[in-house]
């Protein structure tokens, strides 16, 4: 899936963020756990609403 295709999904996971930003797995998990944007935890899984991630990426919180 292309980078643009990733952002068409309504919900992202940490792997999507890792691939989109070109960062390592550990960095992606640290970012998801940083509180910089809204995440949803389902058990041990972390899901990120795409609009929350894009808001953070564009400089708004």
N, C-alpha and C. Protein backbone atom coordinates (compact mmCIF):
# COMPACT_ATOMS: atom_id res chain seq x y z
N UNK A 1 0.85 -1.18 0.00
CA UNK A 1 0.00 0.00 0.00
C UNK A 1 0.89 1.23 0.00
N UNK A 2 0.53 2.22 -0.82
CA UNK A 2 1.32 3.44 -0.89
C UNK A 2 1.09 4.30 0.35
N UNK A 3 1.96 5.28 0.54
CA UNK A 3 1.81 6.18 1.68
C UNK A 3 0.45 6.88 1.66
N UNK A 4 0.00 7.29 0.46
CA UNK A 4 -1.29 7.96 0.36
C UNK A 4 -2.42 7.00 0.71
N UNK A 5 -2.29 5.73 0.32
CA UNK A 5 -3.30 4.72 0.62
C UNK A 5 -3.45 4.49 2.11
N UNK A 6 -2.35 4.57 2.83
CA UNK A 6 -2.39 4.40 4.28
C UNK A 6 -3.30 5.44 4.90
N UNK A 7 -3.20 6.67 4.45
CA UNK A 7 -3.97 7.76 5.06
C UNK A 7 -5.43 7.76 4.62
N UNK A 8 -5.81 6.91 3.68
CA UNK A 8 -7.22 6.80 3.30
C UNK A 8 -7.99 5.91 4.25
N UNK A 9 -7.28 5.13 5.07
CA UNK A 9 -7.93 4.28 6.05
C UNK A 9 -8.44 5.14 7.21
N UNK A 10 -9.62 4.86 7.74
CA UNK A 10 -10.14 5.68 8.85
C UNK A 10 -9.38 5.46 10.16
N UNK A 11 -8.82 4.27 10.32
CA UNK A 11 -8.09 3.93 11.54
C UNK A 11 -6.73 3.37 11.14
N UNK A 12 -5.69 3.87 11.79
CA UNK A 12 -4.33 3.41 11.53
C UNK A 12 -3.85 2.56 12.69
N UNK A 13 -2.83 1.76 12.44
CA UNK A 13 -2.15 1.09 13.54
C UNK A 13 -0.71 1.58 13.56
N UNK A 14 0.04 1.13 14.52
CA UNK A 14 1.41 1.62 14.71
C UNK A 14 2.26 1.31 13.48
N UNK A 15 2.04 0.18 12.86
CA UNK A 15 2.81 -0.18 11.67
C UNK A 15 2.55 0.81 10.54
N UNK A 16 1.32 1.28 10.39
CA UNK A 16 1.01 2.28 9.36
C UNK A 16 1.80 3.57 9.61
N UNK A 17 1.83 4.00 10.85
CA UNK A 17 2.57 5.22 11.20
C UNK A 17 4.06 5.02 10.97
N UNK A 18 4.55 3.87 11.36
CA UNK A 18 5.96 3.54 11.15
C UNK A 18 6.32 3.64 9.67
N UNK A 19 5.53 3.03 8.82
CA UNK A 19 5.81 3.04 7.39
C UNK A 19 5.65 4.43 6.79
N UNK A 20 4.62 5.16 7.19
CA UNK A 20 4.37 6.48 6.63
C UNK A 20 5.50 7.46 6.98
N UNK A 21 5.95 7.42 8.23
CA UNK A 21 6.99 8.35 8.67
C UNK A 21 8.40 7.85 8.39
N UNK A 22 8.53 6.57 8.06
CA UNK A 22 9.85 6.01 7.79
C UNK A 22 10.70 5.91 9.04
N UNK A 23 10.07 5.53 10.15
CA UNK A 23 10.78 5.40 11.42
C UNK A 23 10.75 3.94 11.86
N UNK A 24 11.52 3.63 12.87
CA UNK A 24 11.58 2.27 13.39
C UNK A 24 10.36 1.92 14.23
N UNK A 25 10.22 0.63 14.48
CA UNK A 25 9.08 0.13 15.25
C UNK A 25 9.05 0.72 16.66
N UNK A 26 10.20 0.74 17.32
CA UNK A 26 10.28 1.30 18.67
C UNK A 26 9.91 2.77 18.70
N UNK A 27 10.40 3.52 17.74
CA UNK A 27 10.07 4.95 17.66
C UNK A 27 8.58 5.15 17.43
N UNK A 28 7.99 4.31 16.59
CA UNK A 28 6.56 4.42 16.31
C UNK A 28 5.74 4.15 17.57
N UNK A 29 6.12 3.13 18.35
CA UNK A 29 5.41 2.84 19.59
C UNK A 29 5.62 3.96 20.61
N UNK A 30 6.83 4.50 20.70
CA UNK A 30 7.08 5.62 21.60
C UNK A 30 6.21 6.82 21.23
N UNK A 31 6.11 7.09 19.94
CA UNK A 31 5.28 8.20 19.48
C UNK A 31 3.81 7.96 19.82
N UNK A 32 3.33 6.75 19.59
CA UNK A 32 1.94 6.43 19.89
C UNK A 32 1.65 6.54 21.38
N UNK A 33 2.63 6.25 22.21
CA UNK A 33 2.46 6.31 23.66
C UNK A 33 2.79 7.67 24.25
N UNK A 34 3.20 8.63 23.42
CA UNK A 34 3.65 9.93 23.91
C UNK A 34 2.51 10.86 24.33
N UNK A 35 1.29 10.57 23.89
CA UNK A 35 0.18 11.45 24.20
C UNK A 35 0.06 12.63 23.24
N UNK A 36 0.85 12.64 22.19
CA UNK A 36 0.81 13.74 21.22
C UNK A 36 -0.47 13.74 20.40
N UNK A 37 -1.08 12.58 20.22
CA UNK A 37 -2.34 12.47 19.49
C UNK A 37 -3.17 11.36 20.12
N UNK A 38 -4.46 11.38 19.85
CA UNK A 38 -5.40 10.43 20.45
C UNK A 38 -5.16 9.02 19.91
N UNK A 39 -5.09 8.07 20.81
CA UNK A 39 -5.01 6.66 20.43
C UNK A 39 -6.10 5.89 21.17
N UNK A 40 -6.48 4.76 20.61
CA UNK A 40 -7.46 3.88 21.24
C UNK A 40 -6.76 2.56 21.49
N UNK A 41 -6.85 2.10 22.73
CA UNK A 41 -6.24 0.81 23.06
C UNK A 41 -7.33 -0.24 23.16
N UNK A 42 -7.13 -1.32 22.44
CA UNK A 42 -8.04 -2.46 22.47
C UNK A 42 -7.19 -3.64 22.90
N UNK A 43 -7.26 -3.94 24.18
CA UNK A 43 -6.34 -4.94 24.72
C UNK A 43 -4.93 -4.39 24.61
N UNK A 44 -4.07 -5.14 23.95
CA UNK A 44 -2.69 -4.68 23.75
C UNK A 44 -2.51 -3.94 22.43
N UNK A 45 -3.53 -3.91 21.63
CA UNK A 45 -3.45 -3.25 20.32
C UNK A 45 -3.64 -1.74 20.47
N UNK A 46 -2.94 -1.00 19.63
CA UNK A 46 -3.07 0.45 19.61
C UNK A 46 -3.61 0.84 18.24
N UNK A 47 -4.72 1.56 18.24
CA UNK A 47 -5.33 2.07 17.01
C UNK A 47 -5.35 3.58 17.07
N UNK A 48 -5.09 4.21 15.94
CA UNK A 48 -5.00 5.67 15.88
C UNK A 48 -5.98 6.18 14.84
N UNK A 49 -6.93 7.03 15.24
CA UNK A 49 -7.81 7.64 14.24
C UNK A 49 -6.98 8.48 13.26
N UNK A 50 -7.19 8.29 11.98
CA UNK A 50 -6.39 8.97 10.97
C UNK A 50 -6.47 10.48 11.13
N UNK A 51 -7.65 11.02 11.42
CA UNK A 51 -7.78 12.48 11.56
C UNK A 51 -6.97 13.00 12.75
N UNK A 52 -6.85 12.22 13.80
CA UNK A 52 -6.04 12.62 14.95
C UNK A 52 -4.55 12.66 14.57
N UNK A 53 -4.10 11.64 13.86
CA UNK A 53 -2.71 11.59 13.42
C UNK A 53 -2.40 12.73 12.46
N UNK A 54 -3.29 12.98 11.50
CA UNK A 54 -3.06 14.06 10.54
C UNK A 54 -3.07 15.42 11.21
N UNK A 55 -3.93 15.60 12.21
CA UNK A 55 -3.93 16.85 12.95
C UNK A 55 -2.60 17.09 13.64
N UNK A 56 -2.06 16.04 14.25
CA UNK A 56 -0.75 16.15 14.89
C UNK A 56 0.32 16.44 13.85
N UNK A 57 0.26 15.74 12.73
CA UNK A 57 1.26 15.90 11.68
C UNK A 57 1.25 17.32 11.11
N UNK A 58 0.08 17.93 11.07
CA UNK A 58 -0.06 19.29 10.53
C UNK A 58 0.15 20.37 11.58
N UNK A 59 0.47 19.98 12.79
CA UNK A 59 0.82 20.95 13.82
C UNK A 59 -0.28 21.34 14.77
N UNK A 60 -1.46 20.77 14.62
CA UNK A 60 -2.52 21.04 15.59
C UNK A 60 -2.69 19.82 16.48
N UNK A 61 -3.30 20.02 17.64
CA UNK A 61 -3.41 18.89 18.56
C UNK A 61 -4.83 18.47 18.75
